[in-house]
Amino acid sequence: MNPSRRDTLRLAGGAGLCGALASAGLLGAPEAAAQGLEAAVFKAQGLAAGLEAMGAKGAVESKGVQLIADDVAENGASVTIGIRSTLPGTQMIALLVDKNPTALVAAFEIPEGTEPDLRTRIKMAQTSSVVALVKAGGKFHFARKEIKVTAGGC
């Protein structure tokens, strides 16, 4: 088998897999990944603008939301974050970083019956406040933590 034939088979196999996943509804367009959030949310700069765009302007700080992260991140390109919600009826969890180019870093819909406990890695441009925003029972709650970044990542 010559190399160009291998490349063709690999590309065709990958395209077929993507097509199968898309037709099964497991893979969609980037707009579908927003899960109902308006495009303005992804363009909001700063924490206040991000919260307002998400409809969470009156969010209250809650002990039912835990933001787990180190106080200092040596590399802003890979900051490990954990979010846990003990609030009943948790529907959505989002991560916002105040001084990133766009405040919203990630948003997750939590299906009913799922334990709302997430771990992810994010990029941070510089030392900033990180907010874990939780929508539970139709109301917004949050936890905040200042994370110092020694080497920027954005």
N, C-alpha and C. Protein backbone atom coordinates (compact mmCIF):
# COMPACT_ATOMS: atom_id res chain seq x y z
N MET A 1 0.85 -1.18 0.00
CA MET A 1 0.00 0.00 0.00
C MET A 1 0.90 1.23 0.00
N ASN A 2 0.70 2.15 -0.93
CA ASN A 2 1.56 3.32 -0.95
C ASN A 2 1.02 4.40 0.00
N PRO A 3 1.90 5.33 0.43
CA PRO A 3 1.49 6.33 1.43
C PRO A 3 0.29 7.17 1.03
N SER A 4 0.15 7.54 -0.22
CA SER A 4 -0.98 8.39 -0.59
C SER A 4 -2.31 7.62 -0.47
N ARG A 5 -2.27 6.34 -0.71
CA ARG A 5 -3.49 5.53 -0.56
C ARG A 5 -3.86 5.43 0.93
N ARG A 6 -2.86 5.27 1.78
CA ARG A 6 -3.11 5.22 3.23
C ARG A 6 -3.73 6.53 3.72
N ASP A 7 -3.17 7.63 3.25
CA ASP A 7 -3.72 8.95 3.65
C ASP A 7 -5.17 9.09 3.20
N THR A 8 -5.46 8.65 1.98
CA THR A 8 -6.82 8.74 1.45
C THR A 8 -7.78 7.90 2.29
N LEU A 9 -7.38 6.68 2.62
CA LEU A 9 -8.23 5.81 3.44
C LEU A 9 -8.44 6.39 4.84
N ARG A 10 -7.40 6.95 5.42
CA ARG A 10 -7.50 7.54 6.76
C ARG A 10 -8.46 8.74 6.74
N LEU A 11 -8.33 9.61 5.75
CA LEU A 11 -9.23 10.76 5.64
C LEU A 11 -10.67 10.34 5.39
N ALA A 12 -10.86 9.36 4.52
CA ALA A 12 -12.22 8.89 4.23
C ALA A 12 -12.84 8.25 5.47
N GLY A 13 -12.05 7.49 6.21
CA GLY A 13 -12.56 6.87 7.45
C GLY A 13 -12.94 7.92 8.48
N GLY A 14 -12.11 8.95 8.62
CA GLY A 14 -12.40 10.04 9.56
C GLY A 14 -13.65 10.81 9.16
N ALA A 15 -13.79 11.09 7.87
CA ALA A 15 -14.97 11.80 7.39
C ALA A 15 -16.22 10.97 7.60
N GLY A 16 -16.12 9.66 7.37
CA GLY A 16 -17.26 8.77 7.59
C GLY A 16 -17.67 8.72 9.06
N LEU A 17 -16.69 8.68 9.95
CA LEU A 17 -16.97 8.68 11.38
C LEU A 17 -17.64 9.99 11.80
N CYS A 18 -17.13 11.12 11.32
CA CYS A 18 -17.75 12.41 11.64
C CYS A 18 -19.17 12.47 11.13
N GLY A 19 -19.41 11.97 9.94
CA GLY A 19 -20.75 11.95 9.38
C GLY A 19 -21.70 11.09 10.20
N ALA A 20 -21.21 9.93 10.64
CA ALA A 20 -22.05 9.03 11.46
C ALA A 20 -22.38 9.67 12.80
N LEU A 21 -21.39 10.30 13.44
CA LEU A 21 -21.63 10.96 14.72
C LEU A 21 -22.61 12.12 14.57
N ALA A 22 -22.46 12.89 13.50
CA ALA A 22 -23.35 14.04 13.27
C ALA A 22 -24.78 13.56 13.02
N SER A 23 -24.94 12.49 12.24
CA SER A 23 -26.30 12.01 11.96
C SER A 23 -26.95 11.40 13.20
N ALA A 24 -26.13 10.91 14.14
CA ALA A 24 -26.67 10.36 15.39
C ALA A 24 -26.96 11.46 16.41
N GLY A 25 -26.59 12.70 16.08
CA GLY A 25 -26.84 13.82 16.98
C GLY A 25 -25.77 13.97 18.05
N LEU A 26 -24.67 13.22 17.93
CA LEU A 26 -23.60 13.30 18.92
C LEU A 26 -22.56 14.34 18.58
N LEU A 27 -22.60 14.83 17.38
CA LEU A 27 -21.66 15.85 16.92
C LEU A 27 -22.45 16.87 16.13
N GLY A 28 -22.29 18.12 16.49
CA GLY A 28 -23.07 19.14 15.80
C GLY A 28 -22.22 20.33 15.43
N ALA A 29 -22.87 21.31 14.90
CA ALA A 29 -22.20 22.55 14.53
C ALA A 29 -21.78 23.30 15.78
N PRO A 30 -20.77 24.17 15.71
CA PRO A 30 -20.34 24.93 16.88
C PRO A 30 -21.47 25.70 17.54
N GLU A 31 -22.46 26.17 16.77
CA GLU A 31 -23.58 26.89 17.36
C GLU A 31 -24.37 26.00 18.29
N ALA A 32 -24.46 24.69 17.97
CA ALA A 32 -25.20 23.76 18.81
C ALA A 32 -24.48 23.55 20.14
N ALA A 33 -23.17 23.70 20.14
CA ALA A 33 -22.41 23.52 21.37
C ALA A 33 -22.72 24.63 22.38
N ALA A 34 -23.23 25.74 21.91
CA ALA A 34 -23.58 26.83 22.82
C ALA A 34 -24.74 26.46 23.72
N GLN A 35 -25.47 25.41 23.38
CA GLN A 35 -26.57 24.88 24.18
C GLN A 35 -27.55 25.96 24.61
N GLY A 36 -28.01 26.72 23.65
CA GLY A 36 -29.05 27.69 23.95
C GLY A 36 -28.54 29.04 24.40
N LEU A 37 -27.26 29.19 24.63
CA LEU A 37 -26.73 30.48 25.05
C LEU A 37 -26.61 31.39 23.84
N GLU A 38 -26.95 32.63 24.01
CA GLU A 38 -26.89 33.59 22.92
C GLU A 38 -25.44 33.91 22.56
N ALA A 39 -25.23 34.29 21.31
CA ALA A 39 -23.89 34.63 20.84
C ALA A 39 -23.29 35.79 21.63
N ALA A 40 -24.12 36.68 22.17
CA ALA A 40 -23.64 37.82 22.95
C ALA A 40 -22.87 37.37 24.18
N VAL A 41 -23.22 36.22 24.73
CA VAL A 41 -22.53 35.70 25.91
C VAL A 41 -21.07 35.42 25.59
N PHE A 42 -20.83 34.88 24.39
CA PHE A 42 -19.46 34.53 24.03
C PHE A 42 -18.64 35.74 23.61
N LYS A 43 -19.29 36.88 23.40
CA LYS A 43 -18.60 38.10 23.03
C LYS A 43 -18.41 39.04 24.21
N ALA A 44 -19.04 38.74 25.32
CA ALA A 44 -18.99 39.63 26.50
C ALA A 44 -17.58 39.68 27.05
N GLN A 45 -17.12 40.90 27.32
CA GLN A 45 -15.80 41.10 27.89
C GLN A 45 -15.96 41.59 29.32
N GLY A 46 -15.34 40.90 30.23
CA GLY A 46 -15.43 41.25 31.64
C GLY A 46 -16.53 40.46 32.33
N LEU A 47 -16.36 40.29 33.61
CA LEU A 47 -17.26 39.47 34.41
C LEU A 47 -18.68 40.03 34.46
N ALA A 48 -18.82 41.31 34.70
CA ALA A 48 -20.15 41.92 34.81
C ALA A 48 -20.93 41.76 33.50
N ALA A 49 -20.27 42.00 32.38
CA ALA A 49 -20.92 41.87 31.07
C ALA A 49 -21.28 40.41 30.79
N GLY A 50 -20.43 39.48 31.18
CA GLY A 50 -20.71 38.06 30.99
C GLY A 50 -21.91 37.60 31.79
N LEU A 51 -21.96 38.01 33.05
CA LEU A 51 -23.09 37.64 33.91
C LEU A 51 -24.40 38.24 33.38
N GLU A 52 -24.34 39.48 32.94
CA GLU A 52 -25.54 40.14 32.41
C GLU A 52 -26.03 39.45 31.14
N ALA A 53 -25.10 39.09 30.25
CA ALA A 53 -25.47 38.43 29.01
C ALA A 53 -26.08 37.06 29.25
N MET A 54 -25.71 36.42 30.35
CA MET A 54 -26.26 35.11 30.68
C MET A 54 -27.57 35.21 31.46
N GLY A 55 -27.98 36.42 31.80
CA GLY A 55 -29.20 36.59 32.58
C GLY A 55 -29.00 36.33 34.04
N ALA A 56 -27.75 36.43 34.51
CA ALA A 56 -27.40 36.10 35.89
C ALA A 56 -26.94 37.32 36.67
N LYS A 57 -27.44 38.49 36.30
CA LYS A 57 -26.99 39.73 36.93
C LYS A 57 -27.22 39.73 38.44
N GLY A 58 -28.29 39.13 38.90
CA GLY A 58 -28.60 39.11 40.34
C GLY A 58 -28.13 37.84 41.04
N ALA A 59 -27.12 37.17 40.50
CA ALA A 59 -26.62 35.93 41.10
C ALA A 59 -26.12 36.19 42.53
N VAL A 60 -26.34 35.21 43.40
CA VAL A 60 -25.92 35.34 44.79
C VAL A 60 -24.81 34.33 45.10
N GLU A 61 -23.88 34.75 45.94
CA GLU A 61 -22.80 33.85 46.35
C GLU A 61 -23.40 32.77 47.24
N SER A 62 -22.96 31.53 47.03
CA SER A 62 -23.56 30.41 47.73
C SER A 62 -22.50 29.41 48.18
N LYS A 63 -22.68 28.88 49.38
CA LYS A 63 -21.79 27.82 49.87
C LYS A 63 -22.11 26.49 49.20
N GLY A 64 -23.22 26.42 48.48
CA GLY A 64 -23.59 25.22 47.74
C GLY A 64 -22.82 25.06 46.44
N VAL A 65 -22.02 26.06 46.09
CA VAL A 65 -21.18 26.02 44.90
C VAL A 65 -19.72 26.05 45.36
N GLN A 66 -18.96 25.05 44.95
CA GLN A 66 -17.54 24.99 45.31
C GLN A 66 -16.69 25.15 44.06
N LEU A 67 -15.72 26.04 44.13
CA LEU A 67 -14.75 26.25 43.06
C LEU A 67 -13.42 25.74 43.58
N ILE A 68 -12.90 24.68 42.95
CA ILE A 68 -11.70 24.03 43.42
C ILE A 68 -10.57 24.33 42.44
N ALA A 69 -9.55 25.06 42.91
CA ALA A 69 -8.40 25.41 42.07
C ALA A 69 -7.26 25.84 42.98
N ASP A 70 -6.04 25.72 42.47
CA ASP A 70 -4.88 26.21 43.20
C ASP A 70 -4.90 27.73 43.24
N ASP A 71 -4.30 28.31 44.28
CA ASP A 71 -4.22 29.77 44.39
C ASP A 71 -3.30 30.37 43.33
N VAL A 72 -2.27 29.60 42.94
CA VAL A 72 -1.30 30.06 41.96
C VAL A 72 -1.20 29.05 40.82
N ALA A 73 -1.31 29.53 39.59
CA ALA A 73 -1.14 28.69 38.41
C ALA A 73 0.19 29.06 37.77
N GLU A 74 1.09 28.08 37.66
CA GLU A 74 2.40 28.36 37.09
C GLU A 74 2.33 28.63 35.60
N ASN A 75 1.33 28.08 34.94
CA ASN A 75 1.19 28.26 33.50
C ASN A 75 -0.27 28.54 33.17
N GLY A 76 -0.55 29.74 32.68
CA GLY A 76 -1.92 30.13 32.36
C GLY A 76 -2.51 29.35 31.20
N ALA A 77 -1.67 28.63 30.45
CA ALA A 77 -2.17 27.85 29.32
C ALA A 77 -2.91 26.60 29.77
N SER A 78 -2.71 26.20 31.03
CA SER A 78 -3.37 24.99 31.53
C SER A 78 -3.63 25.13 33.03
N VAL A 79 -4.80 25.63 33.37
CA VAL A 79 -5.19 25.83 34.76
C VAL A 79 -6.31 24.84 35.08
N THR A 80 -6.05 23.94 36.03
CA THR A 80 -7.04 22.93 36.39
C THR A 80 -8.08 23.53 37.34
N ILE A 81 -9.34 23.34 36.98
CA ILE A 81 -10.46 23.88 37.75
C ILE A 81 -11.46 22.76 38.03
N GLY A 82 -12.01 22.77 39.23
CA GLY A 82 -13.08 21.86 39.59
C GLY A 82 -14.28 22.66 40.07
N ILE A 83 -15.47 22.21 39.74
CA ILE A 83 -16.70 22.86 40.20
C ILE A 83 -17.62 21.77 40.71
N ARG A 84 -18.18 22.02 41.88
CA ARG A 84 -19.12 21.07 42.47
C ARG A 84 -20.31 21.86 42.99
N SER A 85 -21.50 21.36 42.71
CA SER A 85 -22.71 22.00 43.21
C SER A 85 -23.48 21.01 44.07
N THR A 86 -23.86 21.46 45.27
CA THR A 86 -24.71 20.64 46.13
C THR A 86 -26.13 21.20 46.13
N LEU A 87 -26.39 22.16 45.27
CA LEU A 87 -27.72 22.76 45.18
C LEU A 87 -28.67 21.81 44.46
N PRO A 88 -29.87 21.59 45.00
CA PRO A 88 -30.81 20.69 44.32
C PRO A 88 -31.30 21.30 43.01
N GLY A 89 -31.47 20.44 42.01
CA GLY A 89 -31.99 20.89 40.73
C GLY A 89 -30.99 21.67 39.90
N THR A 90 -29.70 21.35 40.03
CA THR A 90 -28.68 22.04 39.23
C THR A 90 -28.91 21.75 37.75
N GLN A 91 -29.05 22.82 36.95
CA GLN A 91 -29.34 22.70 35.52
C GLN A 91 -28.15 23.05 34.64
N MET A 92 -27.30 23.97 35.11
CA MET A 92 -26.21 24.46 34.28
C MET A 92 -25.06 24.92 35.16
N ILE A 93 -23.83 24.70 34.67
CA ILE A 93 -22.63 25.19 35.33
C ILE A 93 -21.81 25.92 34.28
N ALA A 94 -21.35 27.12 34.61
CA ALA A 94 -20.51 27.89 33.69
C ALA A 94 -19.29 28.40 34.42
N LEU A 95 -18.21 28.60 33.67
CA LEU A 95 -16.97 29.17 34.20
C LEU A 95 -16.71 30.48 33.49
N LEU A 96 -16.45 31.53 34.26
CA LEU A 96 -16.13 32.84 33.70
C LEU A 96 -14.82 33.33 34.30
N VAL A 97 -14.00 33.95 33.47
CA VAL A 97 -12.72 34.52 33.90
C VAL A 97 -12.75 36.00 33.54
N ASP A 98 -12.62 36.83 34.56
CA ASP A 98 -12.80 38.28 34.40
C ASP A 98 -11.86 38.90 33.37
N LYS A 99 -10.58 38.60 33.41
CA LYS A 99 -9.61 39.30 32.57
C LYS A 99 -9.23 38.54 31.30
N ASN A 100 -9.97 37.52 30.93
CA ASN A 100 -9.73 36.84 29.66
C ASN A 100 -10.34 37.68 28.53
N PRO A 101 -9.89 37.47 27.29
CA PRO A 101 -10.47 38.22 26.17
C PRO A 101 -12.00 38.09 26.09
N THR A 102 -12.53 36.90 26.36
CA THR A 102 -13.97 36.71 26.53
C THR A 102 -14.19 36.08 27.90
N ALA A 103 -15.15 36.60 28.62
CA ALA A 103 -15.35 36.17 30.01
C ALA A 103 -15.77 34.70 30.11
N LEU A 104 -16.71 34.26 29.27
CA LEU A 104 -17.20 32.89 29.35
C LEU A 104 -16.16 31.94 28.80
N VAL A 105 -15.73 31.01 29.64
CA VAL A 105 -14.73 30.02 29.24
C VAL A 105 -15.40 28.70 28.89
N ALA A 106 -16.41 28.31 29.66
CA ALA A 106 -17.09 27.04 29.42
C ALA A 106 -18.49 27.10 30.02
N ALA A 107 -19.40 26.35 29.42
CA ALA A 107 -20.76 26.21 29.95
C ALA A 107 -21.20 24.78 29.74
N PHE A 108 -21.77 24.19 30.77
CA PHE A 108 -22.19 22.79 30.73
C PHE A 108 -23.64 22.69 31.18
N GLU A 109 -24.48 22.02 30.38
CA GLU A 109 -25.83 21.71 30.82
C GLU A 109 -25.74 20.42 31.61
N ILE A 110 -26.43 20.37 32.74
CA ILE A 110 -26.39 19.21 33.61
C ILE A 110 -27.73 18.48 33.50
N PRO A 111 -27.75 17.30 32.89
CA PRO A 111 -29.00 16.55 32.77
C PRO A 111 -29.53 16.14 34.15
N GLU A 112 -30.84 16.05 34.26
CA GLU A 112 -31.46 15.64 35.51
C GLU A 112 -30.95 14.25 35.91
N GLY A 113 -30.63 14.10 37.19
CA GLY A 113 -30.12 12.84 37.69
C GLY A 113 -28.61 12.71 37.61
N THR A 114 -27.93 13.73 37.09
CA THR A 114 -26.47 13.72 36.97
C THR A 114 -25.87 14.45 38.15
N GLU A 115 -24.79 13.92 38.69
CA GLU A 115 -24.11 14.60 39.79
C GLU A 115 -23.34 15.80 39.24
N PRO A 116 -23.64 17.00 39.72
CA PRO A 116 -22.97 18.20 39.19
C PRO A 116 -21.58 18.39 39.80
N ASP A 117 -20.62 17.65 39.27
CA ASP A 117 -19.24 17.69 39.73
C ASP A 117 -18.34 17.61 38.50
N LEU A 118 -17.67 18.71 38.17
CA LEU A 118 -16.88 18.80 36.94
C LEU A 118 -15.42 19.10 37.22
N ARG A 119 -14.55 18.63 36.33
CA ARG A 119 -13.14 18.99 36.32
C ARG A 119 -12.78 19.34 34.89
N THR A 120 -12.04 20.43 34.71
CA THR A 120 -11.61 20.82 33.37
C THR A 120 -10.33 21.65 33.47
N ARG A 121 -9.75 21.92 32.35
CA ARG A 121 -8.58 22.81 32.28
C ARG A 121 -8.96 24.00 31.41
N ILE A 122 -8.53 25.17 31.84
CA ILE A 122 -8.84 26.39 31.09
C ILE A 122 -7.56 27.18 30.84
N LYS A 123 -7.66 28.16 29.96
CA LYS A 123 -6.58 29.10 29.73
C LYS A 123 -6.92 30.40 30.42
N MET A 124 -5.90 31.01 31.01
CA MET A 124 -6.08 32.32 31.64
C MET A 124 -5.00 33.25 31.12
N ALA A 125 -5.40 34.45 30.72
CA ALA A 125 -4.46 35.42 30.17
C ALA A 125 -3.56 36.00 31.25
N GLN A 126 -4.10 36.19 32.45
CA GLN A 126 -3.36 36.83 33.54
C GLN A 126 -4.07 36.56 34.86
N THR A 127 -3.48 37.00 35.95
CA THR A 127 -4.10 36.88 37.26
C THR A 127 -5.49 37.49 37.20
N SER A 128 -6.48 36.74 37.71
CA SER A 128 -7.86 37.19 37.56
C SER A 128 -8.79 36.47 38.53
N SER A 129 -9.99 37.02 38.66
CA SER A 129 -11.06 36.34 39.38
C SER A 129 -11.68 35.30 38.46
N VAL A 130 -11.92 34.11 39.01
CA VAL A 130 -12.60 33.05 38.29
C VAL A 130 -13.92 32.81 39.01
N VAL A 131 -15.01 32.71 38.26
CA VAL A 131 -16.33 32.53 38.85
C VAL A 131 -16.94 31.25 38.32
N ALA A 132 -17.41 30.41 39.24
CA ALA A 132 -18.21 29.24 38.89
C ALA A 132 -19.67 29.65 39.07
N LEU A 133 -20.41 29.68 37.99
CA LEU A 133 -21.81 30.10 38.00
C LEU A 133 -22.69 28.87 37.86
N VAL A 134 -23.66 28.72 38.75
CA VAL A 134 -24.56 27.57 38.74
C VAL A 134 -26.00 28.05 38.65
N LYS A 135 -26.75 27.45 37.74
CA LYS A 135 -28.19 27.71 37.67
C LYS A 135 -28.88 26.50 38.28
N ALA A 136 -29.59 26.73 39.36
CA ALA A 136 -30.30 25.66 40.07
C ALA A 136 -31.67 26.16 40.48
N GLY A 137 -32.69 25.40 40.15
CA GLY A 137 -34.04 25.81 40.50
C GLY A 137 -34.45 27.13 39.87
N GLY A 138 -33.88 27.45 38.71
CA GLY A 138 -34.22 28.68 38.01
C GLY A 138 -33.51 29.92 38.53
N LYS A 139 -32.64 29.77 39.54
CA LYS A 139 -31.90 30.91 40.10
C LYS A 139 -30.40 30.68 39.91
N PHE A 140 -29.66 31.80 39.89
CA PHE A 140 -28.22 31.73 39.70
C PHE A 140 -27.48 31.91 41.02
N HIS A 141 -26.45 31.08 41.21
CA HIS A 141 -25.59 31.11 42.39
C HIS A 141 -24.15 31.06 41.89
N PHE A 142 -23.21 31.55 42.70
CA PHE A 142 -21.83 31.51 42.24
C PHE A 142 -20.85 31.35 43.40
N ALA A 143 -19.63 30.97 43.02
CA ALA A 143 -18.47 30.96 43.91
C ALA A 143 -17.36 31.65 43.13
N ARG A 144 -16.52 32.39 43.84
CA ARG A 144 -15.46 33.17 43.20
C ARG A 144 -14.12 32.86 43.86
N LYS A 145 -13.07 32.88 43.04
CA LYS A 145 -11.71 32.68 43.55
C LYS A 145 -10.73 33.47 42.69
N GLU A 146 -9.80 34.12 43.34
CA GLU A 146 -8.72 34.83 42.64
C GLU A 146 -7.59 33.83 42.40
N ILE A 147 -7.18 33.70 41.14
CA ILE A 147 -6.08 32.80 40.80
C ILE A 147 -4.95 33.63 40.21
N LYS A 148 -3.77 33.48 40.80
CA LYS A 148 -2.58 34.20 40.32
C LYS A 148 -1.91 33.37 39.24
N VAL A 149 -1.65 34.00 38.09
CA VAL A 149 -1.00 33.34 36.97
C VAL A 149 0.40 33.90 36.82
N THR A 150 1.41 33.00 36.80
CA THR A 150 2.79 33.47 36.69
C THR A 150 3.26 33.54 35.24
N ALA A 151 2.65 32.74 34.33
CA ALA A 151 2.97 32.79 32.90
C ALA A 151 1.66 32.75 32.14
N GLY A 152 1.35 33.81 31.38
CA GLY A 152 0.06 33.92 30.67
C GLY A 152 -0.15 32.84 29.63
N GLY A 153 -1.42 32.55 29.35
CA GLY A 153 -1.74 31.48 28.41
C GLY A 153 -2.58 31.89 27.22
N CYS A 154 -3.22 33.05 27.24
CA CYS A 154 -4.11 33.43 26.12
C CYS A 154 -3.36 34.30 25.12
